[in-house]
Amino acid sequence: MHIIQKIAEEKIQEAIARGEFNDLPEQGKPYRLDGYLFEEPEKRIQRKLLKDHHFQPLPLTLRRKIDRHLEHLEEAITRYRTGYAQRLEAIVRAGNLELAYPPQEYWKFLSRHRRFLTHYLPIWLGVKTERRFQEAVREFKTFRQQALAALTQMVQELLEIVEEYDDEVMKFCIQERDFFRLETGFGIKQFQWWIKYFRNLFPGIEEDDG
């Protein structure tokens, strides 16, 4: 051990014996290693600058964008489902109909609900001509069409982001592969170049061996 290191170690041990390191804020906790210490200095600086400025790779940004769109889609489905149920209930009230399931939870009885819409409701539409009933049905149909159009648009936007995400991930993987080849020399330096390099690095007794 170097004399300076030996003196420093002795001073540290003396301080420990005196209890000067007791009750430190992070005492007993593992030291946090963020990965920088094990990287090359140039890469360490680059990654620290990017991290300090909250830089995110495009694939990660797109992934988080996808997650947000999925959340918005779920919220929209819940919102439109509530509106759909309200308009279904308005039809039942306006026509004074009896429904075998609660309209507020129609999605739990979809098979019955489809039968009602395709078999029973058309019959009542031909019998009941009250303006209030007919308007409730029209409002139901309009709301459904608008909801489906809005949800379809959201899904289309989501799929476009997913496609962009897939492309960027593929580019990122290819770039990482090419970067590895550039760093190591694979893919750009010929096999004979390596043979010559090794022979120059490890010269033999017979210099005319090929």
N, C-alpha and C. Protein backbone atom coordinates (compact mmCIF):
# COMPACT_ATOMS: atom_id res chain seq x y z
N MET A 1 0.84 -1.20 0.00
CA MET A 1 0.00 0.00 0.00
C MET A 1 0.88 1.24 0.00
N HIS A 2 0.52 2.23 -0.80
CA HIS A 2 1.26 3.49 -0.86
C HIS A 2 1.22 4.18 0.49
N ILE A 3 2.31 4.92 0.84
CA ILE A 3 2.43 5.55 2.15
C ILE A 3 1.28 6.52 2.41
N ILE A 4 0.83 7.26 1.38
CA ILE A 4 -0.27 8.20 1.55
C ILE A 4 -1.57 7.45 1.84
N GLN A 5 -1.80 6.36 1.11
CA GLN A 5 -2.98 5.56 1.36
C GLN A 5 -2.97 4.95 2.76
N LYS A 6 -1.77 4.55 3.22
CA LYS A 6 -1.65 3.97 4.55
C LYS A 6 -1.97 4.99 5.63
N ILE A 7 -1.48 6.23 5.46
CA ILE A 7 -1.75 7.28 6.44
C ILE A 7 -3.25 7.61 6.46
N ALA A 8 -3.84 7.70 5.26
CA ALA A 8 -5.28 8.00 5.17
C ALA A 8 -6.10 6.91 5.84
N GLU A 9 -5.72 5.66 5.62
CA GLU A 9 -6.45 4.55 6.22
C GLU A 9 -6.35 4.59 7.75
N GLU A 10 -5.17 4.94 8.27
CA GLU A 10 -5.00 5.04 9.71
C GLU A 10 -5.87 6.15 10.29
N LYS A 11 -5.93 7.31 9.61
CA LYS A 11 -6.76 8.42 10.06
C LYS A 11 -8.24 8.04 10.08
N ILE A 12 -8.66 7.29 9.06
CA ILE A 12 -10.06 6.86 9.00
C ILE A 12 -10.39 5.92 10.15
N GLN A 13 -9.48 4.98 10.42
CA GLN A 13 -9.72 4.04 11.51
C GLN A 13 -9.75 4.75 12.86
N GLU A 14 -8.88 5.76 13.03
CA GLU A 14 -8.90 6.53 14.28
C GLU A 14 -10.22 7.28 14.43
N ALA A 15 -10.72 7.87 13.33
CA ALA A 15 -12.00 8.59 13.39
C ALA A 15 -13.14 7.64 13.71
N ILE A 16 -13.09 6.42 13.15
CA ILE A 16 -14.13 5.43 13.45
C ILE A 16 -14.10 5.06 14.92
N ALA A 17 -12.89 4.89 15.46
CA ALA A 17 -12.76 4.53 16.87
C ALA A 17 -13.29 5.63 17.78
N ARG A 18 -13.15 6.89 17.37
CA ARG A 18 -13.66 8.01 18.18
C ARG A 18 -15.17 8.20 18.01
N GLY A 19 -15.77 7.46 17.05
CA GLY A 19 -17.21 7.57 16.84
C GLY A 19 -17.63 8.74 16.00
N GLU A 20 -16.70 9.30 15.22
CA GLU A 20 -17.04 10.48 14.43
C GLU A 20 -17.94 10.16 13.24
N PHE A 21 -18.04 8.87 12.90
CA PHE A 21 -18.89 8.49 11.78
C PHE A 21 -20.24 7.95 12.24
N ASN A 22 -20.49 8.03 13.53
CA ASN A 22 -21.78 7.55 14.05
C ASN A 22 -22.90 8.53 13.73
N ASP A 23 -24.10 7.99 13.62
CA ASP A 23 -25.30 8.80 13.42
C ASP A 23 -25.26 9.62 12.12
N LEU A 24 -24.61 9.11 11.11
CA LEU A 24 -24.65 9.79 9.81
C LEU A 24 -26.02 9.56 9.18
N PRO A 25 -26.49 10.50 8.34
CA PRO A 25 -27.85 10.38 7.76
C PRO A 25 -28.08 9.08 7.00
N GLU A 26 -27.11 8.62 6.27
CA GLU A 26 -27.28 7.42 5.45
C GLU A 26 -26.60 6.21 6.04
N GLN A 27 -26.31 6.24 7.34
CA GLN A 27 -25.61 5.13 7.96
C GLN A 27 -26.43 3.85 7.90
N GLY A 28 -25.78 2.78 7.51
CA GLY A 28 -26.44 1.49 7.43
C GLY A 28 -27.17 1.23 6.14
N LYS A 29 -27.24 2.23 5.26
CA LYS A 29 -27.93 2.07 3.99
C LYS A 29 -26.92 1.79 2.88
N PRO A 30 -27.29 0.95 1.89
CA PRO A 30 -26.34 0.66 0.79
C PRO A 30 -26.07 1.89 -0.05
N TYR A 31 -24.85 1.98 -0.54
CA TYR A 31 -24.50 3.12 -1.38
C TYR A 31 -25.17 2.97 -2.73
N ARG A 32 -25.76 4.05 -3.20
CA ARG A 32 -26.47 4.02 -4.49
C ARG A 32 -25.49 4.18 -5.63
N LEU A 33 -25.50 3.20 -6.52
CA LEU A 33 -24.66 3.26 -7.72
C LEU A 33 -25.57 3.43 -8.91
N ASP A 34 -25.43 4.52 -9.64
CA ASP A 34 -26.31 4.78 -10.78
C ASP A 34 -25.74 4.29 -12.10
N GLY A 35 -24.64 3.58 -12.05
CA GLY A 35 -24.09 3.01 -13.27
C GLY A 35 -22.99 3.83 -13.89
N TYR A 36 -22.87 5.08 -13.52
CA TYR A 36 -21.86 5.94 -14.14
C TYR A 36 -20.44 5.49 -13.81
N LEU A 37 -20.25 4.96 -12.60
CA LEU A 37 -18.89 4.64 -12.15
C LEU A 37 -18.25 3.54 -12.98
N PHE A 38 -19.05 2.72 -13.61
CA PHE A 38 -18.52 1.58 -14.34
C PHE A 38 -18.48 1.82 -15.85
N GLU A 39 -18.71 3.04 -16.27
CA GLU A 39 -18.70 3.36 -17.69
C GLU A 39 -17.44 4.14 -18.05
N GLU A 40 -17.16 4.15 -19.32
CA GLU A 40 -16.04 4.95 -19.80
C GLU A 40 -16.33 6.43 -19.53
N PRO A 41 -15.29 7.23 -19.25
CA PRO A 41 -15.51 8.64 -18.89
C PRO A 41 -16.35 9.40 -19.91
N GLU A 42 -16.11 9.17 -21.22
CA GLU A 42 -16.88 9.90 -22.23
C GLU A 42 -18.36 9.54 -22.17
N LYS A 43 -18.65 8.26 -22.07
CA LYS A 43 -20.04 7.82 -22.01
C LYS A 43 -20.68 8.25 -20.69
N ARG A 44 -19.89 8.25 -19.63
CA ARG A 44 -20.41 8.66 -18.33
C ARG A 44 -20.90 10.10 -18.38
N ILE A 45 -20.12 10.98 -19.00
CA ILE A 45 -20.49 12.39 -19.12
C ILE A 45 -21.72 12.54 -19.99
N GLN A 46 -21.73 11.82 -21.11
CA GLN A 46 -22.87 11.92 -22.03
C GLN A 46 -24.16 11.49 -21.34
N ARG A 47 -24.14 10.35 -20.66
CA ARG A 47 -25.34 9.85 -20.01
C ARG A 47 -25.79 10.76 -18.87
N LYS A 48 -24.83 11.31 -18.14
CA LYS A 48 -25.18 12.21 -17.03
C LYS A 48 -25.84 13.48 -17.56
N LEU A 49 -25.28 14.03 -18.66
CA LEU A 49 -25.88 15.23 -19.24
C LEU A 49 -27.30 14.96 -19.72
N LEU A 50 -27.49 13.82 -20.39
CA LEU A 50 -28.82 13.48 -20.87
C LEU A 50 -29.79 13.27 -19.71
N LYS A 51 -29.32 12.60 -18.66
CA LYS A 51 -30.19 12.34 -17.52
C LYS A 51 -30.53 13.63 -16.79
N ASP A 52 -29.54 14.50 -16.60
CA ASP A 52 -29.78 15.76 -15.88
C ASP A 52 -30.75 16.67 -16.62
N HIS A 53 -30.79 16.56 -17.96
CA HIS A 53 -31.69 17.38 -18.77
C HIS A 53 -32.98 16.63 -19.13
N HIS A 54 -33.22 15.51 -18.39
CA HIS A 54 -34.48 14.74 -18.54
C HIS A 54 -34.69 14.25 -19.97
N PHE A 55 -33.59 13.91 -20.63
CA PHE A 55 -33.71 13.38 -21.99
C PHE A 55 -34.20 11.94 -21.93
N GLN A 56 -35.10 11.60 -22.83
CA GLN A 56 -35.61 10.24 -22.93
C GLN A 56 -35.47 9.76 -24.37
N PRO A 57 -35.00 8.53 -24.56
CA PRO A 57 -34.96 7.98 -25.92
C PRO A 57 -36.36 7.97 -26.53
N LEU A 58 -36.42 8.14 -27.82
CA LEU A 58 -37.71 8.21 -28.50
C LEU A 58 -38.58 6.97 -28.25
N PRO A 59 -38.03 5.74 -28.30
CA PRO A 59 -38.89 4.58 -28.01
C PRO A 59 -39.54 4.65 -26.63
N LEU A 60 -38.78 5.12 -25.63
CA LEU A 60 -39.36 5.24 -24.30
C LEU A 60 -40.44 6.31 -24.25
N THR A 61 -40.20 7.43 -24.94
CA THR A 61 -41.20 8.49 -25.01
C THR A 61 -42.48 7.99 -25.67
N LEU A 62 -42.33 7.24 -26.75
CA LEU A 62 -43.49 6.70 -27.46
C LEU A 62 -44.22 5.66 -26.60
N ARG A 63 -43.46 4.87 -25.87
CA ARG A 63 -44.08 3.86 -25.02
C ARG A 63 -44.96 4.52 -23.96
N ARG A 64 -44.45 5.57 -23.36
CA ARG A 64 -45.25 6.28 -22.35
C ARG A 64 -46.45 6.97 -22.99
N LYS A 65 -46.26 7.43 -24.21
CA LYS A 65 -47.38 8.03 -24.94
C LYS A 65 -48.46 6.98 -25.21
N ILE A 66 -48.05 5.78 -25.55
CA ILE A 66 -48.99 4.68 -25.77
C ILE A 66 -49.76 4.38 -24.49
N ASP A 67 -49.05 4.33 -23.37
CA ASP A 67 -49.71 4.06 -22.09
C ASP A 67 -50.75 5.13 -21.77
N ARG A 68 -50.40 6.39 -22.05
CA ARG A 68 -51.35 7.47 -21.80
C ARG A 68 -52.58 7.35 -22.70
N HIS A 69 -52.36 6.99 -23.97
CA HIS A 69 -53.48 6.83 -24.89
C HIS A 69 -54.38 5.68 -24.45
N LEU A 70 -53.78 4.60 -23.95
CA LEU A 70 -54.59 3.48 -23.46
C LEU A 70 -55.43 3.91 -22.27
N GLU A 71 -54.85 4.72 -21.39
CA GLU A 71 -55.61 5.22 -20.25
C GLU A 71 -56.77 6.10 -20.72
N HIS A 72 -56.50 6.99 -21.68
CA HIS A 72 -57.55 7.86 -22.20
C HIS A 72 -58.64 7.05 -22.89
N LEU A 73 -58.23 5.97 -23.57
CA LEU A 73 -59.21 5.12 -24.25
C LEU A 73 -60.11 4.43 -23.24
N GLU A 74 -59.53 3.92 -22.16
CA GLU A 74 -60.33 3.30 -21.11
C GLU A 74 -61.29 4.30 -20.48
N GLU A 75 -60.80 5.52 -20.24
CA GLU A 75 -61.66 6.56 -19.66
C GLU A 75 -62.80 6.90 -20.62
N ALA A 76 -62.49 6.99 -21.92
CA ALA A 76 -63.53 7.32 -22.90
C ALA A 76 -64.56 6.20 -22.99
N ILE A 77 -64.11 4.96 -22.94
CA ILE A 77 -65.05 3.83 -22.98
C ILE A 77 -66.00 3.90 -21.79
N THR A 78 -65.46 4.16 -20.61
CA THR A 78 -66.30 4.27 -19.41
C THR A 78 -67.30 5.42 -19.54
N ARG A 79 -66.81 6.54 -20.07
CA ARG A 79 -67.68 7.72 -20.23
C ARG A 79 -68.79 7.46 -21.24
N TYR A 80 -68.43 6.89 -22.37
CA TYR A 80 -69.44 6.62 -23.41
C TYR A 80 -70.40 5.52 -22.97
N ARG A 81 -69.90 4.57 -22.20
CA ARG A 81 -70.78 3.50 -21.71
C ARG A 81 -71.85 4.07 -20.79
N THR A 82 -71.44 5.03 -19.96
CA THR A 82 -72.41 5.69 -19.08
C THR A 82 -73.46 6.45 -19.89
N GLY A 83 -73.00 7.21 -20.90
CA GLY A 83 -73.93 7.96 -21.74
C GLY A 83 -74.86 7.04 -22.52
N TYR A 84 -74.34 5.94 -23.01
CA TYR A 84 -75.14 4.96 -23.73
C TYR A 84 -76.24 4.40 -22.83
N ALA A 85 -75.84 4.05 -21.59
CA ALA A 85 -76.82 3.49 -20.64
C ALA A 85 -77.90 4.51 -20.31
N GLN A 86 -77.53 5.77 -20.17
CA GLN A 86 -78.51 6.81 -19.87
C GLN A 86 -79.54 6.95 -20.99
N ARG A 87 -79.07 6.87 -22.24
CA ARG A 87 -79.99 7.00 -23.37
C ARG A 87 -80.84 5.75 -23.55
N LEU A 88 -80.29 4.61 -23.20
CA LEU A 88 -81.09 3.39 -23.21
C LEU A 88 -82.20 3.47 -22.17
N GLU A 89 -81.86 3.97 -21.01
CA GLU A 89 -82.85 4.14 -19.95
C GLU A 89 -83.92 5.13 -20.36
N ALA A 90 -83.52 6.17 -21.12
CA ALA A 90 -84.50 7.16 -21.59
C ALA A 90 -85.50 6.51 -22.55
N ILE A 91 -85.04 5.58 -23.37
CA ILE A 91 -85.94 4.85 -24.27
C ILE A 91 -86.96 4.05 -23.47
N VAL A 92 -86.45 3.37 -22.44
CA VAL A 92 -87.34 2.53 -21.62
C VAL A 92 -88.39 3.39 -20.92
N ARG A 93 -87.97 4.53 -20.39
CA ARG A 93 -88.92 5.40 -19.69
C ARG A 93 -89.93 6.03 -20.65
N ALA A 94 -89.42 6.52 -21.79
CA ALA A 94 -90.31 7.19 -22.74
C ALA A 94 -91.33 6.22 -23.32
N GLY A 95 -90.95 4.97 -23.51
CA GLY A 95 -91.88 3.99 -24.09
C GLY A 95 -92.62 3.19 -23.05
N ASN A 96 -92.29 3.47 -21.75
CA ASN A 96 -92.94 2.73 -20.67
C ASN A 96 -92.78 1.22 -20.89
N LEU A 97 -91.52 0.85 -21.18
CA LEU A 97 -91.21 -0.55 -21.49
C LEU A 97 -90.69 -1.26 -20.24
N GLU A 98 -90.78 -2.58 -20.28
CA GLU A 98 -90.22 -3.40 -19.21
C GLU A 98 -88.96 -4.07 -19.74
N LEU A 99 -87.88 -3.83 -19.04
CA LEU A 99 -86.59 -4.39 -19.43
C LEU A 99 -86.18 -5.45 -18.42
N ALA A 100 -85.70 -6.59 -18.89
CA ALA A 100 -85.37 -7.71 -18.00
C ALA A 100 -84.02 -7.54 -17.32
N TYR A 101 -83.37 -6.44 -17.56
CA TYR A 101 -82.06 -6.19 -16.96
C TYR A 101 -81.94 -4.70 -16.70
N PRO A 102 -81.13 -4.27 -15.74
CA PRO A 102 -80.99 -2.83 -15.47
C PRO A 102 -80.23 -2.15 -16.60
N PRO A 103 -80.77 -1.11 -17.19
CA PRO A 103 -80.10 -0.45 -18.30
C PRO A 103 -78.75 0.18 -17.90
N GLN A 104 -78.60 0.51 -16.61
CA GLN A 104 -77.34 1.11 -16.17
C GLN A 104 -76.18 0.11 -16.22
N GLU A 105 -76.50 -1.19 -16.31
CA GLU A 105 -75.47 -2.23 -16.37
C GLU A 105 -75.72 -3.16 -17.55
N TYR A 106 -76.08 -2.57 -18.67
CA TYR A 106 -76.45 -3.37 -19.84
C TYR A 106 -75.30 -4.27 -20.30
N TRP A 107 -74.03 -3.82 -20.09
CA TRP A 107 -72.88 -4.57 -20.60
C TRP A 107 -72.70 -5.91 -19.89
N LYS A 108 -73.37 -6.08 -18.75
CA LYS A 108 -73.32 -7.37 -18.06
C LYS A 108 -74.34 -8.36 -18.62
N PHE A 109 -75.23 -7.87 -19.49
CA PHE A 109 -76.30 -8.70 -20.05
C PHE A 109 -76.35 -8.49 -21.57
N LEU A 110 -75.22 -8.60 -22.23
CA LEU A 110 -75.14 -8.22 -23.65
C LEU A 110 -76.01 -9.10 -24.53
N SER A 111 -76.11 -10.38 -24.22
CA SER A 111 -76.94 -11.25 -25.07
C SER A 111 -78.41 -10.82 -24.99
N ARG A 112 -78.90 -10.53 -23.80
CA ARG A 112 -80.28 -10.04 -23.65
C ARG A 112 -80.43 -8.66 -24.30
N HIS A 113 -79.43 -7.84 -24.10
CA HIS A 113 -79.50 -6.48 -24.64
C HIS A 113 -79.57 -6.50 -26.16
N ARG A 114 -78.82 -7.38 -26.80
CA ARG A 114 -78.86 -7.47 -28.27
C ARG A 114 -80.24 -7.95 -28.74
N ARG A 115 -80.80 -8.91 -28.02
CA ARG A 115 -82.14 -9.38 -28.38
C ARG A 115 -83.16 -8.25 -28.27
N PHE A 116 -83.02 -7.45 -27.22
CA PHE A 116 -83.94 -6.32 -27.05
C PHE A 116 -83.83 -5.34 -28.21
N LEU A 117 -82.59 -5.02 -28.63
CA LEU A 117 -82.38 -4.03 -29.69
C LEU A 117 -82.80 -4.56 -31.06
N THR A 118 -82.57 -5.85 -31.29
CA THR A 118 -82.80 -6.39 -32.64
C THR A 118 -84.19 -7.01 -32.82
N HIS A 119 -84.84 -7.43 -31.72
CA HIS A 119 -86.13 -8.09 -31.85
C HIS A 119 -87.29 -7.27 -31.27
N TYR A 120 -87.13 -6.89 -30.00
CA TYR A 120 -88.27 -6.28 -29.30
C TYR A 120 -88.41 -4.79 -29.61
N LEU A 121 -87.29 -4.05 -29.60
CA LEU A 121 -87.40 -2.62 -29.84
C LEU A 121 -87.96 -2.29 -31.22
N PRO A 122 -87.56 -2.99 -32.31
CA PRO A 122 -88.18 -2.68 -33.62
C PRO A 122 -89.69 -2.86 -33.61
N ILE A 123 -90.18 -3.83 -32.83
CA ILE A 123 -91.63 -4.03 -32.76
C ILE A 123 -92.29 -2.83 -32.10
N TRP A 124 -91.70 -2.37 -30.99
CA TRP A 124 -92.26 -1.21 -30.30
C TRP A 124 -92.17 0.05 -31.14
N LEU A 125 -91.12 0.15 -31.97
CA LEU A 125 -90.99 1.32 -32.85
C LEU A 125 -92.15 1.36 -33.86
N GLY A 126 -92.63 0.19 -34.25
CA GLY A 126 -93.75 0.16 -35.19
C GLY A 126 -95.09 0.39 -34.52
N VAL A 127 -95.12 0.24 -33.20
CA VAL A 127 -96.39 0.38 -32.48
C VAL A 127 -96.51 1.74 -31.81
N LYS A 128 -95.43 2.13 -31.11
CA LYS A 128 -95.47 3.37 -30.36
C LYS A 128 -95.01 4.53 -31.26
N THR A 129 -95.86 5.47 -31.44
CA THR A 129 -95.55 6.62 -32.31
C THR A 129 -95.41 7.91 -31.52
N GLU A 130 -95.35 7.81 -30.18
CA GLU A 130 -95.21 9.02 -29.38
C GLU A 130 -93.90 9.73 -29.73
N ARG A 131 -94.01 11.03 -29.82
CA ARG A 131 -92.85 11.83 -30.21
C ARG A 131 -91.69 11.67 -29.23
N ARG A 132 -92.00 11.64 -27.94
CA ARG A 132 -90.96 11.51 -26.93
C ARG A 132 -90.19 10.20 -27.08
N PHE A 133 -90.92 9.13 -27.37
CA PHE A 133 -90.29 7.82 -27.55
C PHE A 133 -89.42 7.80 -28.80
N GLN A 134 -89.94 8.31 -29.91
CA GLN A 134 -89.18 8.34 -31.16
C GLN A 134 -87.92 9.20 -31.03
N GLU A 135 -88.02 10.33 -30.32
CA GLU A 135 -86.85 11.20 -30.12
C GLU A 135 -85.79 10.52 -29.25
N ALA A 136 -86.25 9.77 -28.25
CA ALA A 136 -85.30 9.05 -27.39
C ALA A 136 -84.53 8.01 -28.20
N VAL A 137 -85.22 7.35 -29.11
CA VAL A 137 -84.56 6.35 -29.96
C VAL A 137 -83.57 7.02 -30.89
N ARG A 138 -83.96 8.14 -31.49
CA ARG A 138 -83.05 8.86 -32.39
C ARG A 138 -81.81 9.35 -31.64
N GLU A 139 -82.02 9.87 -30.43
CA GLU A 139 -80.89 10.36 -29.64
C GLU A 139 -79.95 9.20 -29.28
N PHE A 140 -80.54 8.05 -28.98
CA PHE A 140 -79.74 6.86 -28.69
C PHE A 140 -78.87 6.48 -29.89
N LYS A 141 -79.49 6.44 -31.08
CA LYS A 141 -78.75 6.08 -32.29
C LYS A 141 -77.64 7.09 -32.59
N THR A 142 -77.95 8.37 -32.46
CA THR A 142 -76.96 9.42 -32.74
C THR A 142 -75.78 9.33 -31.78
N PHE A 143 -76.09 9.16 -30.50
CA PHE A 143 -75.03 9.07 -29.50
C PHE A 143 -74.13 7.87 -29.79
N ARG A 144 -74.75 6.74 -30.12
CA ARG A 144 -73.96 5.53 -30.40
C ARG A 144 -73.02 5.75 -31.57
N GLN A 145 -73.53 6.36 -32.66
CA GLN A 145 -72.70 6.61 -33.83
C GLN A 145 -71.54 7.55 -33.51
N GLN A 146 -71.81 8.61 -32.74
CA GLN A 146 -70.77 9.55 -32.37
C GLN A 146 -69.73 8.90 -31.46
N ALA A 147 -70.19 8.07 -30.53
CA ALA A 147 -69.27 7.39 -29.62
C ALA A 147 -68.37 6.43 -30.38
N LEU A 148 -68.97 5.67 -31.30
CA LEU A 148 -68.16 4.72 -32.08
C LEU A 148 -67.15 5.46 -32.95
N ALA A 149 -67.55 6.58 -33.54
CA ALA A 149 -66.63 7.37 -34.37
C ALA A 149 -65.48 7.91 -33.54
N ALA A 150 -65.77 8.43 -32.34
CA ALA A 150 -64.73 8.98 -31.48
C ALA A 150 -63.76 7.89 -31.01
N LEU A 151 -64.31 6.75 -30.60
CA LEU A 151 -63.46 5.66 -30.13
C LEU A 151 -62.62 5.09 -31.27
N THR A 152 -63.21 5.00 -32.46
CA THR A 152 -62.46 4.53 -33.62
C THR A 152 -61.30 5.45 -33.93
N GLN A 153 -61.53 6.76 -33.84
CA GLN A 153 -60.47 7.73 -34.08
C GLN A 153 -59.35 7.58 -33.05
N MET A 154 -59.71 7.38 -31.80
CA MET A 154 -58.71 7.19 -30.76
C MET A 154 -57.88 5.94 -31.00
N VAL A 155 -58.55 4.87 -31.42
CA VAL A 155 -57.82 3.63 -31.71
C VAL A 155 -56.89 3.82 -32.90
N GLN A 156 -57.34 4.55 -33.92
CA GLN A 156 -56.51 4.81 -35.09
C GLN A 156 -55.25 5.58 -34.69
N GLU A 157 -55.42 6.60 -33.85
CA GLU A 157 -54.26 7.37 -33.38
C GLU A 157 -53.33 6.49 -32.54
N LEU A 158 -53.91 5.63 -31.73
CA LEU A 158 -53.10 4.72 -30.92
C LEU A 158 -52.30 3.77 -31.79
N LEU A 159 -52.93 3.22 -32.82
CA LEU A 159 -52.24 2.28 -33.71
C LEU A 159 -51.11 2.97 -34.47
N GLU A 160 -51.30 4.23 -34.83
CA GLU A 160 -50.24 4.97 -35.50
C GLU A 160 -49.02 5.14 -34.59
N ILE A 161 -49.28 5.43 -33.31
CA ILE A 161 -48.18 5.56 -32.37
C ILE A 161 -47.50 4.22 -32.14
N VAL A 162 -48.29 3.15 -32.06
CA VAL A 162 -47.72 1.81 -31.89
C VAL A 162 -46.84 1.46 -33.08
N GLU A 163 -47.29 1.80 -34.28
CA GLU A 163 -46.49 1.52 -35.47
C GLU A 163 -45.19 2.31 -35.45
N GLU A 164 -45.27 3.58 -35.04
CA GLU A 164 -44.06 4.40 -34.92
C GLU A 164 -43.13 3.83 -33.86
N TYR A 165 -43.72 3.37 -32.76
CA TYR A 165 -42.93 2.76 -31.69
C TYR A 165 -42.19 1.52 -32.20
N ASP A 166 -42.91 0.67 -32.94
CA ASP A 166 -42.29 -0.53 -33.49
C ASP A 166 -41.12 -0.18 -34.41
N ASP A 167 -41.33 0.83 -35.26
CA ASP A 167 -40.27 1.25 -36.18
C ASP A 167 -39.06 1.77 -35.43
N GLU A 168 -39.31 2.59 -34.40
CA GLU A 168 -38.20 3.18 -33.64
C GLU A 168 -37.44 2.13 -32.85
N VAL A 169 -38.16 1.15 -32.31
CA VAL A 169 -37.49 0.07 -31.60
C VAL A 169 -36.61 -0.72 -32.55
N MET A 170 -37.13 -0.97 -33.75
CA MET A 170 -36.34 -1.68 -34.74
C MET A 170 -35.10 -0.88 -35.13
N LYS A 171 -35.29 0.42 -35.36
CA LYS A 171 -34.14 1.28 -35.68
C LYS A 171 -33.13 1.28 -34.55
N PHE A 172 -33.65 1.38 -33.32
CA PHE A 172 -32.77 1.42 -32.16
C PHE A 172 -31.96 0.13 -32.06
N CYS A 173 -32.62 -1.01 -32.28
CA CYS A 173 -31.91 -2.29 -32.23
C CYS A 173 -30.84 -2.38 -33.31
N ILE A 174 -31.18 -1.92 -34.52
CA ILE A 174 -30.22 -1.95 -35.61
C ILE A 174 -29.06 -1.00 -35.32
N GLN A 175 -29.37 0.18 -34.78
CA GLN A 175 -28.32 1.13 -34.45
C GLN A 175 -27.40 0.57 -33.38
N GLU A 176 -27.99 -0.09 -32.37
CA GLU A 176 -27.17 -0.69 -31.33
C GLU A 176 -26.28 -1.77 -31.91
N ARG A 177 -26.81 -2.56 -32.83
CA ARG A 177 -26.01 -3.61 -33.47
C ARG A 177 -24.87 -3.01 -34.27
N ASP A 178 -25.20 -1.96 -35.07
CA ASP A 178 -24.18 -1.32 -35.88
C ASP A 178 -23.14 -0.62 -35.02
N PHE A 179 -23.61 0.00 -33.91
CA PHE A 179 -22.68 0.68 -33.01
C PHE A 179 -21.72 -0.33 -32.39
N PHE A 180 -22.24 -1.50 -32.03
CA PHE A 180 -21.38 -2.55 -31.48
C PHE A 180 -20.36 -3.00 -32.52
N ARG A 181 -20.80 -3.14 -33.75
CA ARG A 181 -19.87 -3.55 -34.80
C ARG A 181 -18.79 -2.50 -35.03
N LEU A 182 -19.19 -1.23 -34.98
CA LEU A 182 -18.21 -0.16 -35.17
C LEU A 182 -17.21 -0.13 -34.02
N GLU A 183 -17.70 -0.32 -32.80
CA GLU A 183 -16.81 -0.29 -31.64
C GLU A 183 -15.84 -1.45 -31.65
N THR A 184 -16.33 -2.63 -31.98
CA THR A 184 -15.49 -3.82 -31.92
C THR A 184 -14.73 -4.08 -33.21
N GLY A 185 -15.19 -3.48 -34.30
CA GLY A 185 -14.55 -3.72 -35.58
C GLY A 185 -15.22 -4.80 -36.40
N PHE A 186 -16.17 -5.54 -35.79
CA PHE A 186 -16.86 -6.58 -36.55
C PHE A 186 -17.76 -5.93 -37.60
N GLY A 187 -17.76 -6.48 -38.77
CA GLY A 187 -18.65 -6.00 -39.81
C GLY A 187 -18.03 -4.94 -40.71
N ILE A 188 -16.93 -4.32 -40.30
CA ILE A 188 -16.32 -3.30 -41.15
C ILE A 188 -14.85 -3.61 -41.45
N LYS A 189 -14.21 -4.45 -40.65
CA LYS A 189 -12.81 -4.82 -40.87
C LYS A 189 -12.76 -6.26 -41.34
N GLN A 190 -12.02 -6.49 -42.38
CA GLN A 190 -11.95 -7.81 -42.98
C GLN A 190 -11.15 -8.76 -42.09
N PHE A 191 -11.45 -10.03 -42.30
CA PHE A 191 -10.76 -11.06 -41.52
C PHE A 191 -9.23 -10.98 -41.71
N GLN A 192 -8.78 -10.75 -42.93
CA GLN A 192 -7.35 -10.66 -43.20
C GLN A 192 -6.72 -9.49 -42.47
N TRP A 193 -7.51 -8.42 -42.30
CA TRP A 193 -6.97 -7.26 -41.56
C TRP A 193 -6.64 -7.66 -40.14
N TRP A 194 -7.52 -8.48 -39.53
CA TRP A 194 -7.30 -8.92 -38.16
C TRP A 194 -6.09 -9.85 -38.09
N ILE A 195 -5.96 -10.72 -39.06
CA ILE A 195 -4.81 -11.63 -39.08
C ILE A 195 -3.52 -10.82 -39.14
N LYS A 196 -3.47 -9.83 -40.02
CA LYS A 196 -2.29 -8.97 -40.14
C LYS A 196 -2.03 -8.21 -38.84
N TYR A 197 -3.12 -7.74 -38.24
CA TYR A 197 -2.98 -6.99 -36.99
C TYR A 197 -2.39 -7.88 -35.89
N PHE A 198 -2.89 -9.11 -35.79
CA PHE A 198 -2.39 -10.03 -34.76
C PHE A 198 -0.92 -10.37 -35.00
N ARG A 199 -0.57 -10.58 -36.26
CA ARG A 199 0.82 -10.93 -36.57
C ARG A 199 1.75 -9.77 -36.27
N ASN A 200 1.29 -8.55 -36.52
CA ASN A 200 2.10 -7.39 -36.19
C ASN A 200 2.21 -7.20 -34.68
N LEU A 201 1.12 -7.54 -33.98
CA LEU A 201 1.11 -7.38 -32.54
C LEU A 201 1.96 -8.44 -31.85
N PHE A 202 1.97 -9.64 -32.44
CA PHE A 202 2.74 -10.76 -31.86
C PHE A 202 3.73 -11.29 -32.91
N PRO A 203 4.78 -10.54 -33.17
CA PRO A 203 5.75 -10.98 -34.20
C PRO A 203 6.42 -12.30 -33.82
N GLY A 204 6.64 -13.12 -34.84
CA GLY A 204 7.27 -14.44 -34.60
C GLY A 204 8.74 -14.43 -34.95
N ILE A 205 9.36 -15.56 -34.68
CA ILE A 205 10.78 -15.69 -35.04
C ILE A 205 10.95 -15.71 -36.54
N GLU A 206 10.07 -16.45 -37.21
CA GLU A 206 10.09 -16.50 -38.66
C GLU A 206 9.12 -15.44 -39.19
N GLU A 207 9.64 -14.37 -39.72
CA GLU A 207 8.78 -13.28 -40.21
C GLU A 207 8.17 -13.58 -41.57
N ASP A 208 8.59 -14.66 -42.20
CA ASP A 208 8.09 -15.00 -43.55
C ASP A 208 7.11 -16.16 -43.46
N ASP A 209 6.27 -16.19 -42.38
CA ASP A 209 5.38 -17.35 -42.22
C ASP A 209 4.04 -17.14 -42.92
N GLY A 210 4.01 -16.28 -43.89
CA GLY A 210 2.78 -16.20 -44.67
C GLY A 210 2.23 -14.84 -44.77
